[in-house]
């Protein structure tokens, strides 16, 4: 899979922002819908901007087996 700049930025944000509270989960662990629910919910808790949420979701939901 070729990563675009949004996916790379999302991966970076995921590793920095999400790992500050818990261990990172593999993107294929949840479906696209589940990731959207979790990232929206917890992203608001840690005051992520919508753009950051979108980039993290791009990374998590474009991995193989995440659909």
C-alpha atoms as a PDB file:
ATOM      1  CA  UNK A   1       0.000   0.000   0.000  1.00  0.00           C
ATOM      2  CA  UNK A   2       1.277   3.439  -0.919  1.00  0.00           C
ATOM      3  CA  UNK A   3       0.791   5.966   1.848  1.00  0.00           C
ATOM      4  CA  UNK A   4      -0.261   9.492   0.957  1.00  0.00           C
ATOM      5  CA  UNK A   5       0.633  12.531   3.052  1.00  0.00           C
ATOM      6  CA  UNK A   6      -2.719  12.426   4.922  1.00  0.00           C
ATOM      7  CA  UNK A   7      -2.144   8.792   5.882  1.00  0.00           C
ATOM      8  CA  UNK A   8       1.422   9.477   7.003  1.00  0.00           C
ATOM      9  CA  UNK A   9       0.318  12.462   9.079  1.00  0.00           C
ATOM     10  CA  UNK A  10      -2.518  10.385  10.541  1.00  0.00           C
ATOM     11  CA  UNK A  11      -0.130   7.612  11.511  1.00  0.00           C
ATOM     12  CA  UNK A  12       2.148  10.145  13.225  1.00  0.00           C
ATOM     13  CA  UNK A  13      -0.786  11.723  15.093  1.00  0.00           C
ATOM     14  CA  UNK A  14      -2.120   8.305  16.113  1.00  0.00           C
ATOM     15  CA  UNK A  15       1.246   7.291  17.545  1.00  0.00           C
ATOM     16  CA  UNK A  16       1.749  10.565  19.406  1.00  0.00           C
ATOM     17  CA  UNK A  17      -1.748  11.507  20.580  1.00  0.00           C
ATOM     18  CA  UNK A  18      -3.343   8.117  21.221  1.00  0.00           C
ATOM     19  CA  UNK A  19      -0.290   6.491  22.779  1.00  0.00           C
ATOM     20  CA  UNK A  20      -0.205   9.227  25.393  1.00  0.00           C
ATOM     21  CA  UNK A  21      -3.150   7.507  27.146  1.00  0.00           C
ATOM     22  CA  UNK A  22      -3.007   3.826  26.162  1.00  0.00           C
ATOM     23  CA  UNK A  23      -1.222   1.219  24.083  1.00  0.00           C
ATOM     24  CA  UNK A  24      -1.773   1.441  20.370  1.00  0.00           C
ATOM     25  CA  UNK A  25      -4.106  -1.017  18.723  1.00  0.00           C
ATOM     26  CA  UNK A  26      -3.528  -2.378  15.226  1.00  0.00           C
ATOM     27  CA  UNK A  27      -5.710  -0.659  12.611  1.00  0.00           C
ATOM     28  CA  UNK A  28      -7.240  -3.968  11.535  1.00  0.00           C
ATOM     29  CA  UNK A  29      -8.614  -4.598  15.032  1.00  0.00           C
ATOM     30  CA  UNK A  30     -11.773  -2.586  14.355  1.00  0.00           C
ATOM     31  CA  UNK A  31     -14.006  -1.800  11.409  1.00  0.00           C
ATOM     32  CA  UNK A  32     -14.130   1.605   9.771  1.00  0.00           C
ATOM     33  CA  UNK A  33     -17.355   2.402  11.648  1.00  0.00           C
ATOM     34  CA  UNK A  34     -15.935   1.329  15.004  1.00  0.00           C
ATOM     35  CA  UNK A  35     -12.787   3.418  14.544  1.00  0.00           C
ATOM     36  CA  UNK A  36     -14.903   6.435  13.615  1.00  0.00           C
ATOM     37  CA  UNK A  37     -16.944   6.063  16.803  1.00  0.00           C
ATOM     38  CA  UNK A  38     -13.876   5.617  19.026  1.00  0.00           C
ATOM     39  CA  UNK A  39     -11.724   8.339  17.476  1.00  0.00           C
ATOM     40  CA  UNK A  40     -14.565  10.878  17.494  1.00  0.00           C
ATOM     41  CA  UNK A  41     -15.405  10.116  21.129  1.00  0.00           C
ATOM     42  CA  UNK A  42     -11.900  10.038  22.549  1.00  0.00           C
ATOM     43  CA  UNK A  43     -10.547  12.694  20.209  1.00  0.00           C
ATOM     44  CA  UNK A  44     -12.988  15.173  21.700  1.00  0.00           C
ATOM     45  CA  UNK A  45     -11.887  14.192  25.201  1.00  0.00           C
ATOM     46  CA  UNK A  46      -8.302  15.141  24.463  1.00  0.00           C
ATOM     47  CA  UNK A  47      -9.322  18.191  22.422  1.00  0.00           C
ATOM     48  CA  UNK A  48      -8.167  17.039  18.996  1.00  0.00           C
ATOM     49  CA  UNK A  49      -9.044  19.343  16.134  1.00  0.00           C
ATOM     50  CA  UNK A  50     -11.436  17.872  13.551  1.00  0.00           C
ATOM     51  CA  UNK A  51      -8.628  17.903  10.998  1.00  0.00           C
ATOM     52  CA  UNK A  52      -6.480  15.761  13.320  1.00  0.00           C
ATOM     53  CA  UNK A  53      -9.378  13.343  13.844  1.00  0.00           C
ATOM     54  CA  UNK A  54      -9.854  13.078  10.082  1.00  0.00           C
ATOM     55  CA  UNK A  55      -6.168  12.326   9.511  1.00  0.00           C
ATOM     56  CA  UNK A  56      -6.106   9.662  12.223  1.00  0.00           C
ATOM     57  CA  UNK A  57      -9.215   8.053  10.734  1.00  0.00           C
ATOM     58  CA  UNK A  58      -7.646   8.140   7.267  1.00  0.00           C
ATOM     59  CA  UNK A  59      -4.683   6.195   8.625  1.00  0.00           C
ATOM     60  CA  UNK A  60      -6.724   3.698  10.634  1.00  0.00           C
ATOM     61  CA  UNK A  61      -9.305   2.959   7.965  1.00  0.00           C
ATOM     62  CA  UNK A  62      -7.114   2.660   4.866  1.00  0.00           C
ATOM     63  CA  UNK A  63      -5.136  -0.280   6.200  1.00  0.00           C
ATOM     64  CA  UNK A  64      -5.833  -3.734   4.750  1.00  0.00           C
ATOM     65  CA  UNK A  65      -8.609  -5.650   6.538  1.00  0.00           C
ATOM     66  CA  UNK A  66     -10.048  -2.532   8.214  1.00  0.00           C
ATOM     67  CA  UNK A  67     -13.183  -2.351   6.046  1.00  0.00           C
END
